[in-house]
C-alpha atoms as a PDB file:
ATOM      1  CA  MET A   1      14.457  10.216   4.733  1.00  0.00           C
ATOM      2  CA  GLY A   2      11.718   7.637   3.995  1.00  0.00           C
ATOM      3  CA  VAL A   3      10.416   4.198   3.051  1.00  0.00           C
ATOM      4  CA  LEU A   4       8.466   3.388  -0.130  1.00  0.00           C
ATOM      5  CA  PHE A   5       6.499   0.072   0.024  1.00  0.00           C
ATOM      6  CA  ILE A   6       5.010  -0.998  -3.266  1.00  0.00           C
ATOM      7  CA  GLY A   7       3.070  -4.215  -2.928  1.00  0.00           C
ATOM      8  CA  ALA A   8       6.185  -5.803  -1.632  1.00  0.00           C
ATOM      9  CA  VAL A   9       8.613  -3.099  -2.538  1.00  0.00           C
ATOM     10  CA  VAL A  10      10.223  -1.202   0.412  1.00  0.00           C
ATOM     11  CA  LEU A  11      12.606   1.702   0.182  1.00  0.00           C
ATOM     12  CA  TYR A  12      14.424   2.486   3.470  1.00  0.00           C
ATOM     13  CA  ALA A  13      16.317   5.771   4.099  1.00  0.00           C
ATOM     14  CA  ASN A  14      18.060   6.046   7.459  1.00  0.00           C
ATOM     15  CA  PRO A  15      15.534   3.739   9.104  1.00  0.00           C
ATOM     16  CA  THR A  16      14.543   4.173  12.737  1.00  0.00           C
ATOM     17  CA  SER A  17      11.378   2.160  12.293  1.00  0.00           C
ATOM     18  CA  ILE A  18       9.463   1.252   9.133  1.00  0.00           C
ATOM     19  CA  GLU A  19       6.408   3.232  10.231  1.00  0.00           C
ATOM     20  CA  ASP A  20       8.512   6.378  10.877  1.00  0.00           C
ATOM     21  CA  SER A  21      10.103   6.318   7.478  1.00  0.00           C
ATOM     22  CA  LEU A  22       7.340   5.040   5.233  1.00  0.00           C
ATOM     23  CA  VAL A  23       6.994   7.201   2.131  1.00  0.00           C
ATOM     24  CA  ALA A  24       4.272   5.163   0.304  1.00  0.00           C
ATOM     25  CA  PHE A  25       2.643   1.800   0.511  1.00  0.00           C
ATOM     26  CA  TYR A  26       1.080   0.127  -2.526  1.00  0.00           C
ATOM     27  CA  THR A  27      -0.719  -3.148  -2.008  1.00  0.00           C
ATOM     28  CA  PHE A  28      -1.628  -3.525  -5.699  1.00  0.00           C
ATOM     29  CA  ASN A  29      -5.009  -4.823  -4.623  1.00  0.00           C
ATOM     30  CA  ASP A  30      -6.609  -2.304  -6.841  1.00  0.00           C
ATOM     31  CA  ASP A  31      -9.134  -4.455  -8.814  1.00  0.00           C
ATOM     32  CA  THR A  32     -11.235  -1.591 -10.004  1.00  0.00           C
ATOM     33  CA  ASN A  33     -12.463  -0.172 -13.303  1.00  0.00           C
ATOM     34  CA  SER A  34     -10.101   2.687 -12.977  1.00  0.00           C
ATOM     35  CA  THR A  35      -6.322   3.512 -13.579  1.00  0.00           C
ATOM     36  CA  VAL A  36      -5.773   4.690  -9.943  1.00  0.00           C
ATOM     37  CA  VAL A  37      -3.250   2.643  -7.857  1.00  0.00           C
ATOM     38  CA  ILE A  38      -3.869   3.574  -4.285  1.00  0.00           C
ATOM     39  CA  ASP A  39      -1.132   4.616  -1.849  1.00  0.00           C
ATOM     40  CA  THR A  40      -2.459   3.384   1.466  1.00  0.00           C
ATOM     41  CA  GLN A  41      -0.493   6.047   3.237  1.00  0.00           C
ATOM     42  CA  GLY A  42      -2.521   8.662   1.236  1.00  0.00           C
ATOM     43  CA  TYR A  43       0.514  10.676  -0.075  1.00  0.00           C
ATOM     44  CA  SER A  44       1.174   9.481  -3.601  1.00  0.00           C
ATOM     45  CA  ASN A  45      -1.527   7.602  -5.517  1.00  0.00           C
ATOM     46  CA  GLY A  46      -0.265   6.295  -8.853  1.00  0.00           C
ATOM     47  CA  THR A  47      -1.672   5.941 -12.299  1.00  0.00           C
ATOM     48  CA  PHE A  48      -1.560   2.434 -13.904  1.00  0.00           C
ATOM     49  CA  THR A  49      -0.555   2.638 -17.589  1.00  0.00           C
ATOM     50  CA  ASP A  50      -0.806  -0.048 -20.251  1.00  0.00           C
ATOM     51  CA  ALA A  51       0.133   1.598 -23.605  1.00  0.00           C
ATOM     52  CA  THR A  52      -1.219  -1.220 -25.825  1.00  0.00           C
ATOM     53  CA  GLY A  53      -4.134  -2.670 -23.767  1.00  0.00           C
ATOM     54  CA  ASP A  54      -6.777  -1.907 -21.147  1.00  0.00           C
ATOM     55  CA  PRO A  55      -5.251   0.538 -18.628  1.00  0.00           C
ATOM     56  CA  ASN A  56      -7.765  -0.259 -15.903  1.00  0.00           C
ATOM     57  CA  THR A  57      -6.426  -2.130 -12.935  1.00  0.00           C
ATOM     58  CA  ASP A  58      -9.265  -4.735 -13.014  1.00  0.00           C
ATOM     59  CA  ALA A  59      -7.968  -5.926 -16.375  1.00  0.00           C
ATOM     60  CA  HIS A  60      -4.556  -6.683 -14.672  1.00  0.00           C
ATOM     61  CA  ALA A  61      -5.729  -7.990 -11.328  1.00  0.00           C
ATOM     62  CA  THR A  62      -4.432 -11.386 -10.344  1.00  0.00           C
ATOM     63  CA  THR A  63      -3.857 -13.424  -7.190  1.00  0.00           C
ATOM     64  CA  GLY A  64      -0.910 -12.319  -5.161  1.00  0.00           C
ATOM     65  CA  LYS A  65       1.156 -13.854  -2.422  1.00  0.00           C
ATOM     66  CA  ILE A  66      -0.840 -11.850   0.017  1.00  0.00           C
ATOM     67  CA  ASN A  67      -4.291 -10.809  -1.189  1.00  0.00           C
ATOM     68  CA  GLY A  68      -4.230  -9.419  -4.777  1.00  0.00           C
ATOM     69  CA  ALA A  69      -1.686  -8.218  -7.196  1.00  0.00           C
ATOM     70  CA  LEU A  70      -1.350  -6.507 -10.573  1.00  0.00           C
ATOM     71  CA  ASP A  71       0.100  -8.348 -13.561  1.00  0.00           C
ATOM     72  CA  PHE A  72       2.689  -6.293 -15.450  1.00  0.00           C
ATOM     73  CA  ASP A  73       3.532  -7.533 -18.991  1.00  0.00           C
ATOM     74  CA  GLY A  74       7.171  -6.400 -18.746  1.00  0.00           C
ATOM     75  CA  THR A  75       6.828  -4.221 -21.910  1.00  0.00           C
ATOM     76  CA  ASP A  76       4.700  -1.167 -21.371  1.00  0.00           C
ATOM     77  CA  ASP A  77       2.858  -1.594 -18.120  1.00  0.00           C
ATOM     78  CA  TYR A  78       3.935   0.677 -15.272  1.00  0.00           C
ATOM     79  CA  VAL A  79       2.663   2.814 -12.371  1.00  0.00           C
ATOM     80  CA  ASP A  80       3.440   6.590 -12.527  1.00  0.00           C
ATOM     81  CA  THR A  81       3.304   8.342  -9.116  1.00  0.00           C
ATOM     82  CA  GLY A  82       4.242  11.665 -10.414  1.00  0.00           C
ATOM     83  CA  ASN A  83       7.247  11.856  -8.057  1.00  0.00           C
ATOM     84  CA  THR A  84      10.900  11.365  -8.852  1.00  0.00           C
ATOM     85  CA  PHE A  85      13.605   9.657  -6.887  1.00  0.00           C
ATOM     86  CA  GLU A  86      15.686  12.892  -6.937  1.00  0.00           C
ATOM     87  CA  SER A  87      12.862  14.833  -5.186  1.00  0.00           C
ATOM     88  CA  THR A  88      11.837  12.088  -2.742  1.00  0.00           C
ATOM     89  CA  PHE A  89      15.224  10.642  -1.615  1.00  0.00           C
ATOM     90  CA  GLN A  90      18.074  12.999  -0.766  1.00  0.00           C
ATOM     91  CA  ASP A  91      20.232  10.293   0.951  1.00  0.00           C
ATOM     92  CA  SER A  92      20.831   6.589   0.608  1.00  0.00           C
ATOM     93  CA  PHE A  93      17.915   4.219   0.559  1.00  0.00           C
ATOM     94  CA  SER A  94      17.018   0.505  -0.155  1.00  0.00           C
ATOM     95  CA  ILE A  95      14.357  -1.116  -2.259  1.00  0.00           C
ATOM     96  CA  SER A  96      12.777  -4.454  -1.475  1.00  0.00           C
ATOM     97  CA  LEU A  97      10.078  -6.215  -3.576  1.00  0.00           C
ATOM     98  CA  TRP A  98       8.334  -9.480  -4.360  1.00  0.00           C
ATOM     99  CA  ILE A  99       8.127 -10.437  -7.988  1.00  0.00           C
ATOM    100  CA  LYS A 100       6.878 -13.474  -9.867  1.00  0.00           C
ATOM    101  CA  PRO A 101       8.494 -13.824 -13.276  1.00  0.00           C
ATOM    102  CA  ASP A 102       6.564 -15.804 -15.854  1.00  0.00           C
ATOM    103  CA  ASP A 103       9.591 -17.537 -17.300  1.00  0.00           C
ATOM    104  CA  GLY A 104      13.306 -17.463 -17.699  1.00  0.00           C
ATOM    105  CA  TRP A 105      14.330 -18.028 -14.060  1.00  0.00           C
ATOM    106  CA  ALA A 106      14.610 -21.348 -12.287  1.00  0.00           C
ATOM    107  CA  SER A 107      12.575 -21.860  -9.116  1.00  0.00           C
ATOM    108  CA  GLY A 108      14.312 -20.158  -6.164  1.00  0.00           C
ATOM    109  CA  SER A 109      16.635 -18.048  -8.407  1.00  0.00           C
ATOM    110  CA  PRO A 110      17.028 -14.327  -7.562  1.00  0.00           C
END
């Protein structure tokens, strides 16, 4: 049972309150010369990967809706937490996130 919050991504599993069920919280404010993406809960730091470019988070830092954000190219950029959904979530859960697509979607489209 838990919640995973990634920047603006939230996973809820049998929520009683968000704080009680929080699994991880990623703000993506990691503007550092490192590949570490910090889980502010302290349970599951991730590793930022860019297979064809600079893997350090400072090379991908951008302005976010709230504070900073990381810019993913949609091709080979990802964060690996080392955990799997199967090992983390045994029951139903929900995911919520904020994204800003560069193109292809009209303003206000889901």
